Amino acid sequence: MNEQGGTTLGAADILKVLAVLPHRYPFLMVDKIVGIESDKRAIGIKNVSANEPHFQGHFPENPVMPGVLILEGMAQTAGAICLLQRAGGGKPSLVYFMTIDKAKFRRPVVPGDVLEYHMTQLTKRRNMWWFRGEAKVDGHLVAEAEVGAMIAHDDGRK
């Protein structure tokens, strides 16, 4: 709690994100996470660059970020905040993307955009979490979905 009685919001820079997620370039879809409120909500940030390899084929004359990568960024943000809450030393756990529901794409995401993944926990049961995500660029909704994830130990145990 902060002085005003509200929840203190945290952040994770790229080094913290890399410490909890196994993803690396070119598949890491989140550069930092801000506004972390426990495992309840957070905003992942992705700076979309023309240099990313998927733009070579999607589409060379009109680069558009593939929707599946936007969904992956949502899942990575949700997984990272779950793992950040469980961080306590020892071997890191892994997050497995389990479900995606109600996915909708509203606008294209292009190089130069700053993509925000607004993730809010819907429910949690043991080692499983479900989140609602809204991807936004300049405050405009570009995609939305509900995602589910499961945390397992890196030796495969649940």
C-alpha atoms as a PDB file:
ATOM      1  CA  MET A   1       0.000   0.000   0.000  1.00  0.00           C
ATOM      2  CA  ASN A   2       1.206   3.506  -0.670  1.00  0.00           C
ATOM      3  CA  GLU A   3       0.743   6.594   1.536  1.00  0.00           C
ATOM      4  CA  GLN A   4      -2.674   7.333   0.035  1.00  0.00           C
ATOM      5  CA  GLY A   5      -3.930   3.810   0.806  1.00  0.00           C
ATOM      6  CA  GLY A   6      -3.834   2.625  -2.816  1.00  0.00           C
ATOM      7  CA  THR A   7      -1.931  -0.273  -4.285  1.00  0.00           C
ATOM      8  CA  THR A   8       1.681   0.385  -5.230  1.00  0.00           C
ATOM      9  CA  LEU A   9       2.229  -0.364  -8.910  1.00  0.00           C
ATOM     10  CA  GLY A  10       5.400  -2.058 -10.059  1.00  0.00           C
ATOM     11  CA  ALA A  11       7.334  -2.289 -13.287  1.00  0.00           C
ATOM     12  CA  ALA A  12       9.618  -4.784 -14.986  1.00  0.00           C
ATOM     13  CA  ASP A  13      12.287  -3.558 -17.367  1.00  0.00           C
ATOM     14  CA  ILE A  14      13.670  -5.769 -20.127  1.00  0.00           C
ATOM     15  CA  LEU A  15      16.166  -7.417 -17.750  1.00  0.00           C
ATOM     16  CA  LYS A  16      13.394  -8.541 -15.389  1.00  0.00           C
ATOM     17  CA  VAL A  17      11.275  -9.709 -18.330  1.00  0.00           C
ATOM     18  CA  LEU A  18      14.205 -11.760 -19.649  1.00  0.00           C
ATOM     19  CA  ALA A  19      14.780 -13.214 -16.177  1.00  0.00           C
ATOM     20  CA  VAL A  20      11.270 -14.690 -15.957  1.00  0.00           C
ATOM     21  CA  LEU A  21      10.352 -15.494 -19.576  1.00  0.00           C
ATOM     22  CA  PRO A  22      12.198 -18.081 -21.676  1.00  0.00           C
ATOM     23  CA  HIS A  23      11.442 -16.208 -24.932  1.00  0.00           C
ATOM     24  CA  ARG A  24      14.200 -14.434 -26.818  1.00  0.00           C
ATOM     25  CA  TYR A  25      14.463 -12.407 -30.027  1.00  0.00           C
ATOM     26  CA  PRO A  26      12.797 -12.714 -32.447  1.00  0.00           C
ATOM     27  CA  PHE A  27       9.973 -14.270 -30.431  1.00  0.00           C
ATOM     28  CA  LEU A  28       9.985 -12.010 -27.374  1.00  0.00           C
ATOM     29  CA  MET A  29       6.904  -9.798 -27.868  1.00  0.00           C
ATOM     30  CA  VAL A  30       7.174  -7.537 -24.799  1.00  0.00           C
ATOM     31  CA  ASP A  31       9.897  -4.975 -24.055  1.00  0.00           C
ATOM     32  CA  LYS A  32       8.785  -3.951 -20.571  1.00  0.00           C
ATOM     33  CA  ILE A  33       5.828  -4.213 -18.228  1.00  0.00           C
ATOM     34  CA  VAL A  34       4.393  -1.270 -16.286  1.00  0.00           C
ATOM     35  CA  GLY A  35       1.536  -0.758 -13.874  1.00  0.00           C
ATOM     36  CA  ILE A  36       1.985  -4.210 -12.344  1.00  0.00           C
ATOM     37  CA  GLU A  37      -0.597  -4.775  -9.649  1.00  0.00           C
ATOM     38  CA  SER A  38       0.304  -8.171  -8.201  1.00  0.00           C
ATOM     39  CA  ASP A  39      -0.921 -10.852 -10.654  1.00  0.00           C
ATOM     40  CA  LYS A  40      -4.191  -8.928 -11.096  1.00  0.00           C
ATOM     41  CA  ARG A  41      -3.294  -6.519 -13.899  1.00  0.00           C
ATOM     42  CA  ALA A  42      -0.450  -4.956 -15.840  1.00  0.00           C
ATOM     43  CA  ILE A  43       0.424  -3.277 -19.121  1.00  0.00           C
ATOM     44  CA  GLY A  44       3.047  -4.841 -21.372  1.00  0.00           C
ATOM     45  CA  ILE A  45       4.802  -2.536 -23.841  1.00  0.00           C
ATOM     46  CA  LYS A  46       6.082  -3.585 -27.284  1.00  0.00           C
ATOM     47  CA  ASN A  47       7.898  -1.110 -29.500  1.00  0.00           C
ATOM     48  CA  VAL A  48       7.094  -2.294 -33.013  1.00  0.00           C
ATOM     49  CA  SER A  49      10.121  -1.950 -35.313  1.00  0.00           C
ATOM     50  CA  ALA A  50      10.376  -2.242 -39.095  1.00  0.00           C
ATOM     51  CA  ASN A  51      13.497  -4.382 -38.536  1.00  0.00           C
ATOM     52  CA  GLU A  52      11.523  -7.334 -37.121  1.00  0.00           C
ATOM     53  CA  PRO A  53      11.795 -10.432 -39.331  1.00  0.00           C
ATOM     54  CA  HIS A  54       8.049 -11.096 -39.712  1.00  0.00           C
ATOM     55  CA  PHE A  55       7.672  -7.863 -41.692  1.00  0.00           C
ATOM     56  CA  GLN A  56       9.800  -9.331 -44.511  1.00  0.00           C
ATOM     57  CA  GLY A  57       6.893 -11.559 -45.463  1.00  0.00           C
ATOM     58  CA  HIS A  58       3.875  -9.938 -43.772  1.00  0.00           C
ATOM     59  CA  PHE A  59       3.705  -7.901 -46.026  1.00  0.00           C
ATOM     60  CA  PRO A  60       6.799  -6.449 -47.763  1.00  0.00           C
ATOM     61  CA  GLU A  61       5.010  -3.478 -49.371  1.00  0.00           C
ATOM     62  CA  ASN A  62       2.538  -2.941 -46.507  1.00  0.00           C
ATOM     63  CA  PRO A  63       4.032  -4.234 -43.228  1.00  0.00           C
ATOM     64  CA  VAL A  64       1.376  -5.375 -40.741  1.00  0.00           C
ATOM     65  CA  MET A  65       2.155  -7.143 -37.459  1.00  0.00           C
ATOM     66  CA  PRO A  66       0.624 -10.642 -37.545  1.00  0.00           C
ATOM     67  CA  GLY A  67      -2.353 -10.935 -35.199  1.00  0.00           C
ATOM     68  CA  VAL A  68      -1.027 -14.144 -33.704  1.00  0.00           C
ATOM     69  CA  LEU A  69       2.060 -12.236 -32.491  1.00  0.00           C
ATOM     70  CA  ILE A  70      -0.170  -9.645 -30.820  1.00  0.00           C
ATOM     71  CA  LEU A  71      -1.914 -12.504 -29.006  1.00  0.00           C
ATOM     72  CA  GLU A  72       1.462 -13.966 -28.073  1.00  0.00           C
ATOM     73  CA  GLY A  73       2.454 -10.603 -26.579  1.00  0.00           C
ATOM     74  CA  MET A  74      -0.700 -10.658 -24.468  1.00  0.00           C
ATOM     75  CA  ALA A  75       0.122 -14.170 -23.258  1.00  0.00           C
ATOM     76  CA  GLN A  76       3.751 -13.255 -22.522  1.00  0.00           C
ATOM     77  CA  THR A  77       2.664 -10.230 -20.482  1.00  0.00           C
ATOM     78  CA  ALA A  78       0.191 -12.310 -18.470  1.00  0.00           C
ATOM     79  CA  GLY A  79       2.735 -15.085 -17.953  1.00  0.00           C
ATOM     80  CA  ALA A  80       5.437 -12.663 -16.862  1.00  0.00           C
ATOM     81  CA  ILE A  81       3.319 -11.058 -14.154  1.00  0.00           C
ATOM     82  CA  CYS A  82       2.333 -14.495 -12.835  1.00  0.00           C
ATOM     83  CA  LEU A  83       5.993 -15.531 -12.675  1.00  0.00           C
ATOM     84  CA  LEU A  84       7.086 -12.216 -11.157  1.00  0.00           C
ATOM     85  CA  GLN A  85       4.657 -12.851  -8.287  1.00  0.00           C
ATOM     86  CA  ARG A  86       6.048 -16.358  -7.740  1.00  0.00           C
ATOM     87  CA  ALA A  87       9.706 -15.321  -7.967  1.00  0.00           C
ATOM     88  CA  GLY A  88      11.446 -16.316  -4.779  1.00  0.00           C
ATOM     89  CA  GLY A  89      14.723 -17.858  -5.747  1.00  0.00           C
ATOM     90  CA  GLY A  90      15.333 -21.397  -6.896  1.00  0.00           C
ATOM     91  CA  LYS A  91      14.687 -22.695 -10.368  1.00  0.00           C
ATOM     92  CA  PRO A  92      12.352 -20.539 -12.463  1.00  0.00           C
ATOM     93  CA  SER A  93       9.003 -21.927 -13.495  1.00  0.00           C
ATOM     94  CA  LEU A  94       7.672 -22.043 -17.043  1.00  0.00           C
ATOM     95  CA  VAL A  95       4.381 -20.669 -18.331  1.00  0.00           C
ATOM     96  CA  TYR A  96       2.440 -22.596 -20.960  1.00  0.00           C
ATOM     97  CA  PHE A  97      -0.166 -20.820 -23.073  1.00  0.00           C
ATOM     98  CA  MET A  98      -3.300 -23.021 -22.746  1.00  0.00           C
ATOM     99  CA  THR A  99      -6.308 -21.273 -24.250  1.00  0.00           C
ATOM    100  CA  ILE A 100      -7.364 -18.344 -26.348  1.00  0.00           C
ATOM    101  CA  ASP A 101     -10.969 -17.268 -26.589  1.00  0.00           C
ATOM    102  CA  LYS A 102     -12.955 -14.364 -27.985  1.00  0.00           C
ATOM    103  CA  ALA A 103     -10.054 -13.048 -30.073  1.00  0.00           C
ATOM    104  CA  LYS A 104     -10.913 -10.061 -32.250  1.00  0.00           C
ATOM    105  CA  PHE A 105      -8.716  -7.804 -34.337  1.00  0.00           C
ATOM    106  CA  ARG A 106      -9.836  -4.192 -34.814  1.00  0.00           C
ATOM    107  CA  ARG A 107      -6.998  -2.273 -36.519  1.00  0.00           C
ATOM    108  CA  PRO A 108      -3.622  -3.094 -38.064  1.00  0.00           C
ATOM    109  CA  VAL A 109      -0.422  -2.641 -36.058  1.00  0.00           C
ATOM    110  CA  VAL A 110       2.480  -1.282 -38.114  1.00  0.00           C
ATOM    111  CA  PRO A 111       6.150  -0.411 -37.625  1.00  0.00           C
ATOM    112  CA  GLY A 112       6.573   2.658 -35.430  1.00  0.00           C
ATOM    113  CA  ASP A 113       3.582   1.823 -33.231  1.00  0.00           C
ATOM    114  CA  VAL A 114       3.922   1.426 -29.477  1.00  0.00           C
ATOM    115  CA  LEU A 115       1.718  -1.550 -28.678  1.00  0.00           C
ATOM    116  CA  GLU A 116       0.264  -1.809 -25.164  1.00  0.00           C
ATOM    117  CA  TYR A 117      -1.081  -5.107 -23.814  1.00  0.00           C
ATOM    118  CA  HIS A 118      -3.590  -4.263 -21.058  1.00  0.00           C
ATOM    119  CA  MET A 119      -4.014  -7.526 -19.141  1.00  0.00           C
ATOM    120  CA  THR A 120      -6.540  -8.073 -16.335  1.00  0.00           C
ATOM    121  CA  GLN A 121      -6.914 -11.325 -14.401  1.00  0.00           C
ATOM    122  CA  LEU A 122     -10.314 -12.971 -14.757  1.00  0.00           C
ATOM    123  CA  THR A 123      -9.735 -15.941 -12.468  1.00  0.00           C
ATOM    124  CA  LYS A 124      -7.033 -18.121 -10.944  1.00  0.00           C
ATOM    125  CA  ARG A 125      -7.131 -21.760  -9.906  1.00  0.00           C
ATOM    126  CA  ARG A 126      -4.050 -23.458  -8.412  1.00  0.00           C
ATOM    127  CA  ASN A 127      -1.366 -23.132 -11.101  1.00  0.00           C
ATOM    128  CA  MET A 128      -3.697 -21.795 -13.830  1.00  0.00           C
ATOM    129  CA  TRP A 129      -4.647 -18.217 -14.665  1.00  0.00           C
ATOM    130  CA  TRP A 130      -7.104 -16.645 -17.123  1.00  0.00           C
ATOM    131  CA  PHE A 131      -6.764 -13.043 -18.318  1.00  0.00           C
ATOM    132  CA  ARG A 132      -8.688 -10.613 -20.474  1.00  0.00           C
ATOM    133  CA  GLY A 133      -6.420  -8.635 -22.741  1.00  0.00           C
ATOM    134  CA  GLU A 134      -6.843  -5.502 -24.779  1.00  0.00           C
ATOM    135  CA  ALA A 135      -4.083  -4.448 -27.155  1.00  0.00           C
ATOM    136  CA  LYS A 136      -3.988  -0.711 -27.785  1.00  0.00           C
ATOM    137  CA  VAL A 137      -2.028   1.748 -29.903  1.00  0.00           C
ATOM    138  CA  ASP A 138      -2.357   5.447 -29.031  1.00  0.00           C
ATOM    139  CA  GLY A 139      -5.372   4.594 -26.866  1.00  0.00           C
ATOM    140  CA  HIS A 140      -7.192   2.848 -29.738  1.00  0.00           C
ATOM    141  CA  LEU A 141      -8.218  -0.795 -29.358  1.00  0.00           C
ATOM    142  CA  VAL A 142      -6.405  -2.907 -31.974  1.00  0.00           C
ATOM    143  CA  ALA A 143      -7.113  -6.416 -30.626  1.00  0.00           C
ATOM    144  CA  GLU A 144      -8.733  -8.201 -27.690  1.00  0.00           C
ATOM    145  CA  ALA A 145      -8.859 -11.735 -26.349  1.00  0.00           C
ATOM    146  CA  GLU A 146      -9.097 -13.935 -23.291  1.00  0.00           C
ATOM    147  CA  VAL A 147      -6.048 -16.102 -22.644  1.00  0.00           C
ATOM    148  CA  GLY A 148      -5.323 -18.933 -20.237  1.00  0.00           C
ATOM    149  CA  ALA A 149      -1.944 -20.039 -18.947  1.00  0.00           C
ATOM    150  CA  MET A 150      -0.530 -22.733 -16.703  1.00  0.00           C
ATOM    151  CA  ILE A 151       2.640 -22.524 -14.628  1.00  0.00           C
ATOM    152  CA  ALA A 152       4.836 -25.620 -14.455  1.00  0.00           C
ATOM    153  CA  HIS A 153       8.277 -26.244 -13.001  1.00  0.00           C
ATOM    154  CA  ASP A 154      10.994 -26.285 -15.643  1.00  0.00           C
ATOM    155  CA  ASP A 155      11.289 -30.053 -15.148  1.00  0.00           C
ATOM    156  CA  GLY A 156       7.702 -30.454 -16.443  1.00  0.00           C
ATOM    157  CA  ARG A 157       5.955 -30.845 -13.056  1.00  0.00           C
ATOM    158  CA  LYS A 158       2.769 -28.876 -12.511  1.00  0.00           C
END
